[in-house]
Amino acid sequence: NENGGLADIAESLAKAGIATIRMDFPGCGKSEESFQKNTMTNMVSDVYSCIDYAEKNYAIDSTKIGIFGYSMGGRIACEMAGEGKVNFSGMVLLAPYVDNSKTINFIGNEEENAELIAAAEKDGYVVFTTKYGQVQELSKEFFNDITTIDPLANAAGFKGKAMVIYGEDDNTVAPEISKRAVEVFNAKVLDVTGDTHSYSFYSDKPEIRSAIVVNTINMFLETFK
């Protein structure tokens, strides 16, 4: 939901005639699963399940499927776009975390990463508190997925149109990380500098939220012609 931000996008897309589906990943929102199940492998599987559910239960045109991903969701979207199991016509990435280094920079430096990974390997998971105050149980599988899977490795397999939205003042996903996705997908760019990684979802920046919503709608309308 992202404090109503993703709901705004979904409702606006609906008004434009585009159906959307969102899910709570393991340990998030109303999910009753442990956050220890919150791994890239499981999250990708959940998205595939949601697409399958939508196609089987609603009047969805399966030739016109798009994907939107914010931050870690952008990483998921990139990985799925490269896999080619779904022929995505369009993709919108908001500050996608597509870094493929062994250091997970939103968690800490190399030494802090090593300590967390060692603890997770020893006990199966480690308790980590984000800079936003979220207490998470990060499993050893979480670290393995993040540090071994390159979400852009198969980017050439994506044949649709892409747009990357980011801000130069993003303090969680550095702009140079988002720019990697711009390069590999030959994506359109929308610069919404002015609200760090919040992107108006956790602050009062109506001009940023409006830009994200309007450009996302236009991108999908263009790809679904």
Protein backbone atom coordinates (compact mmCIF):
# COMPACT_ATOMS: atom_id res chain seq x y z
CA ASN A 1 0.00 0.00 0.00
CA GLU A 2 2.95 2.32 0.78
CA ASN A 3 0.92 4.69 2.96
CA GLY A 4 -1.70 5.07 0.23
CA GLY A 5 0.78 5.78 -2.57
CA LEU A 6 0.32 2.52 -4.45
CA ALA A 7 -3.44 2.66 -3.86
CA ASP A 8 -3.50 6.06 -5.58
CA ILE A 9 -1.70 4.62 -8.58
CA ALA A 10 -4.00 1.59 -8.72
CA GLU A 11 -7.18 3.67 -8.48
CA SER A 12 -5.94 6.07 -11.15
CA LEU A 13 -5.09 3.20 -13.47
CA ALA A 14 -8.55 1.74 -12.89
CA LYS A 15 -10.13 5.02 -13.98
CA ALA A 16 -8.06 4.78 -17.15
CA GLY A 17 -9.44 1.29 -17.80
CA ILE A 18 -6.42 -0.64 -16.59
CA ALA A 19 -6.93 -3.36 -13.97
CA THR A 20 -4.28 -3.85 -11.30
CA ILE A 21 -3.50 -6.39 -8.64
CA ARG A 22 -1.33 -5.88 -5.55
CA MET A 23 -0.20 -8.36 -2.93
CA ASP A 24 1.23 -8.34 0.57
CA PHE A 25 4.56 -10.10 0.45
CA PRO A 26 5.53 -12.45 3.34
CA GLY A 27 5.51 -10.64 6.67
CA CYS A 28 4.12 -7.41 5.17
CA GLY A 29 0.71 -5.79 5.48
CA LYS A 30 -1.93 -8.39 6.28
CA SER A 31 0.31 -11.35 5.45
CA GLU A 32 0.35 -13.91 8.26
CA GLU A 33 3.60 -15.47 7.08
CA SER A 34 6.88 -14.89 8.88
CA PHE A 35 9.12 -12.18 7.45
CA GLN A 36 11.72 -14.93 7.27
CA LYS A 37 9.86 -16.04 4.14
CA ASN A 38 10.48 -12.62 2.59
CA THR A 39 13.01 -13.63 -0.06
CA MET A 40 13.37 -12.73 -3.72
CA THR A 41 12.51 -16.28 -4.72
CA ASN A 42 9.25 -16.25 -2.74
CA MET A 43 8.28 -12.72 -3.80
CA VAL A 44 8.77 -13.49 -7.48
CA SER A 45 6.69 -16.63 -7.05
CA ASP A 46 3.93 -14.58 -5.39
CA VAL A 47 3.80 -12.14 -8.31
CA TYR A 48 3.49 -15.00 -10.81
CA SER A 49 0.67 -16.43 -8.69
CA CYS A 50 -1.12 -13.07 -8.69
CA ILE A 51 -0.91 -12.77 -12.47
CA ASP A 52 -2.23 -16.30 -12.84
CA TYR A 53 -5.06 -15.55 -10.40
CA ALA A 54 -6.06 -12.37 -12.25
CA GLU A 55 -6.07 -14.07 -15.64
CA LYS A 56 -8.17 -17.00 -14.39
CA ASN A 57 -10.73 -14.98 -12.46
CA TYR A 58 -11.18 -11.71 -14.37
CA ALA A 59 -11.61 -10.52 -17.96
CA ILE A 60 -7.92 -9.75 -18.35
CA ASP A 61 -6.32 -9.38 -21.78
CA SER A 62 -3.30 -11.63 -21.30
CA THR A 63 -1.60 -10.03 -24.33
CA LYS A 64 -1.44 -6.72 -22.46
CA ILE A 65 0.32 -7.28 -19.15
CA GLY A 66 2.49 -4.69 -17.41
CA ILE A 67 4.43 -4.58 -14.17
CA PHE A 68 5.18 -1.76 -11.73
CA GLY A 69 7.90 -2.02 -9.09
CA TYR A 70 9.03 0.36 -6.36
CA SER A 71 12.46 -0.07 -4.74
CA MET A 72 12.78 -3.80 -3.96
CA GLY A 73 9.67 -4.27 -6.10
CA GLY A 74 11.68 -2.83 -8.96
CA ARG A 75 14.28 -5.53 -8.44
CA ILE A 76 11.53 -8.16 -8.62
CA ALA A 77 10.10 -6.60 -11.78
CA CYS A 78 13.49 -6.57 -13.51
CA GLU A 79 14.18 -10.17 -12.65
CA MET A 80 10.77 -11.27 -13.95
CA ALA A 81 11.06 -9.16 -17.10
CA GLY A 82 14.32 -10.93 -17.92
CA GLU A 83 12.99 -14.40 -17.19
CA GLY A 84 10.49 -14.11 -20.03
CA LYS A 85 7.83 -16.33 -18.45
CA VAL A 86 5.35 -13.46 -18.87
CA ASN A 87 5.46 -11.30 -21.96
CA PHE A 88 5.27 -7.91 -20.26
CA SER A 89 4.30 -5.16 -22.71
CA GLY A 90 5.39 -2.41 -20.35
CA MET A 91 7.27 -1.89 -17.13
CA VAL A 92 7.48 1.10 -14.78
CA LEU A 93 10.28 1.10 -12.22
CA LEU A 94 10.31 3.57 -9.34
CA ALA A 95 13.80 3.76 -7.81
CA PRO A 96 14.54 0.10 -8.62
CA TYR A 97 17.10 -1.58 -6.40
CA VAL A 98 19.04 -3.38 -9.12
CA ASP A 99 22.48 -3.34 -7.53
CA ASN A 100 24.34 -6.64 -7.97
CA SER A 101 27.21 -6.17 -5.55
CA LYS A 102 27.85 -8.41 -2.56
CA THR A 103 27.25 -5.47 -0.23
CA ILE A 104 23.59 -4.61 0.35
CA ASN A 105 24.09 -0.89 0.71
CA PHE A 106 20.69 -0.08 2.20
CA ILE A 107 21.61 -2.38 5.09
CA GLY A 108 25.10 -1.09 5.76
CA ASN A 109 28.73 -1.23 4.78
CA GLU A 110 30.74 -4.33 3.89
CA GLU A 111 31.66 -5.13 7.50
CA GLU A 112 28.06 -4.74 8.73
CA ASN A 113 26.82 -6.93 5.88
CA ALA A 114 29.33 -9.65 6.75
CA GLU A 115 28.23 -9.65 10.39
CA LEU A 116 24.55 -9.91 9.49
CA ILE A 117 25.13 -12.67 6.95
CA ALA A 118 27.24 -14.66 9.43
CA ALA A 119 24.52 -14.36 12.08
CA ALA A 120 21.84 -15.44 9.62
CA GLU A 121 23.93 -18.42 8.51
CA LYS A 122 24.41 -19.46 12.14
CA ASP A 123 20.82 -19.07 13.37
CA GLY A 124 18.80 -19.20 10.14
CA TYR A 125 17.91 -15.52 10.37
CA VAL A 126 19.06 -12.26 11.95
CA VAL A 127 16.98 -9.42 13.43
CA PHE A 128 17.61 -6.16 11.61
CA THR A 129 16.11 -2.72 12.20
CA THR A 130 15.90 -0.49 9.13
CA LYS A 131 16.63 3.22 9.24
CA TYR A 132 12.87 3.71 9.05
CA GLY A 133 12.39 1.77 12.29
CA GLN A 134 11.06 -1.47 10.78
CA VAL A 135 12.16 -4.59 12.69
CA GLN A 136 12.73 -7.45 10.26
CA GLU A 137 13.88 -11.05 10.54
CA LEU A 138 16.17 -11.47 7.55
CA SER A 139 16.76 -15.11 6.65
CA LYS A 140 19.92 -16.62 5.26
CA GLU A 141 17.89 -17.27 2.08
CA PHE A 142 17.17 -13.53 1.84
CA PHE A 143 20.88 -12.75 1.82
CA ASN A 144 21.64 -15.57 -0.59
CA ASP A 145 19.05 -14.35 -3.10
CA ILE A 146 20.12 -10.72 -2.91
CA THR A 147 23.84 -11.40 -3.24
CA THR A 148 23.73 -14.13 -5.89
CA ILE A 149 20.90 -13.10 -8.23
CA ASP A 150 21.66 -10.33 -10.72
CA PRO A 151 18.24 -8.84 -11.62
CA LEU A 152 19.62 -7.34 -14.83
CA ALA A 153 21.45 -10.44 -16.06
CA ASN A 154 18.71 -11.37 -18.53
CA ALA A 155 17.46 -7.86 -19.32
CA ALA A 156 17.94 -8.45 -23.04
CA GLY A 157 15.04 -10.87 -22.85
CA PHE A 158 12.61 -8.02 -22.17
CA LYS A 159 11.07 -6.78 -25.42
CA GLY A 160 8.56 -4.30 -24.03
CA LYS A 161 8.79 -0.61 -23.21
CA ALA A 162 10.14 0.63 -19.90
CA MET A 163 10.19 3.79 -17.85
CA VAL A 164 12.41 4.44 -14.83
CA ILE A 165 11.42 7.06 -12.26
CA TYR A 166 13.94 8.27 -9.71
CA GLY A 167 15.24 11.31 -7.88
CA GLU A 168 18.79 12.60 -7.63
CA ASP A 169 18.31 13.02 -3.85
CA ASP A 170 17.26 9.40 -3.20
CA ASN A 171 19.01 8.40 0.04
CA THR A 172 18.23 4.67 -0.10
CA VAL A 173 18.56 3.61 -3.74
CA ALA A 174 21.31 5.81 -5.13
CA PRO A 175 20.44 7.39 -8.49
CA GLU A 176 23.34 5.62 -10.19
CA ILE A 177 21.63 2.32 -9.35
CA SER A 178 18.39 3.41 -11.03
CA LYS A 179 20.41 4.61 -14.03
CA ARG A 180 21.67 1.06 -14.58
CA ALA A 181 18.10 0.00 -15.26
CA VAL A 182 17.69 2.96 -17.61
CA GLU A 183 20.67 1.76 -19.64
CA VAL A 184 19.87 -1.93 -19.93
CA PHE A 185 16.18 -1.43 -20.74
CA ASN A 186 16.71 1.69 -22.88
CA ALA A 187 14.04 3.20 -20.68
CA LYS A 188 12.30 6.54 -20.61
CA VAL A 189 13.31 8.62 -17.60
CA LEU A 190 11.24 10.70 -15.21
CA ASP A 191 13.23 12.76 -12.69
CA VAL A 192 11.21 13.47 -9.54
CA THR A 193 13.96 14.85 -7.33
CA GLY A 194 12.68 16.50 -4.17
CA ASP A 195 11.59 13.89 -1.61
CA THR A 196 14.43 11.36 -1.21
CA HIS A 197 13.22 7.71 -1.25
CA SER A 198 9.75 8.60 0.00
CA TYR A 199 8.62 9.75 -3.44
CA SER A 200 5.62 11.55 -1.85
CA PHE A 201 4.28 8.33 -0.31
CA TYR A 202 5.37 9.34 3.19
CA SER A 203 5.22 13.12 2.92
CA ASP A 204 3.13 15.91 1.45
CA LYS A 205 4.57 16.37 -2.03
CA PRO A 206 1.50 16.40 -4.32
CA GLU A 207 3.48 17.52 -7.36
CA ILE A 208 5.73 14.46 -7.11
CA ARG A 209 2.85 12.05 -6.56
CA SER A 210 0.95 13.57 -9.47
CA ALA A 211 3.96 13.24 -11.78
CA ILE A 212 4.41 9.58 -10.83
CA VAL A 213 0.72 8.75 -11.27
CA VAL A 214 0.20 10.60 -14.55
CA ASN A 215 3.37 9.28 -16.18
CA THR A 216 2.70 5.73 -15.03
CA ILE A 217 -0.80 5.83 -16.53
CA ASN A 218 0.45 7.31 -19.79
CA MET A 219 3.23 4.74 -20.03
CA PHE A 220 0.86 1.80 -19.71
CA LEU A 221 -1.75 3.34 -22.02
CA GLU A 222 0.99 3.73 -24.63
CA THR A 223 2.24 0.16 -24.27
CA PHE A 224 -1.25 -1.34 -24.31
CA LYS A 225 -2.37 0.31 -27.59
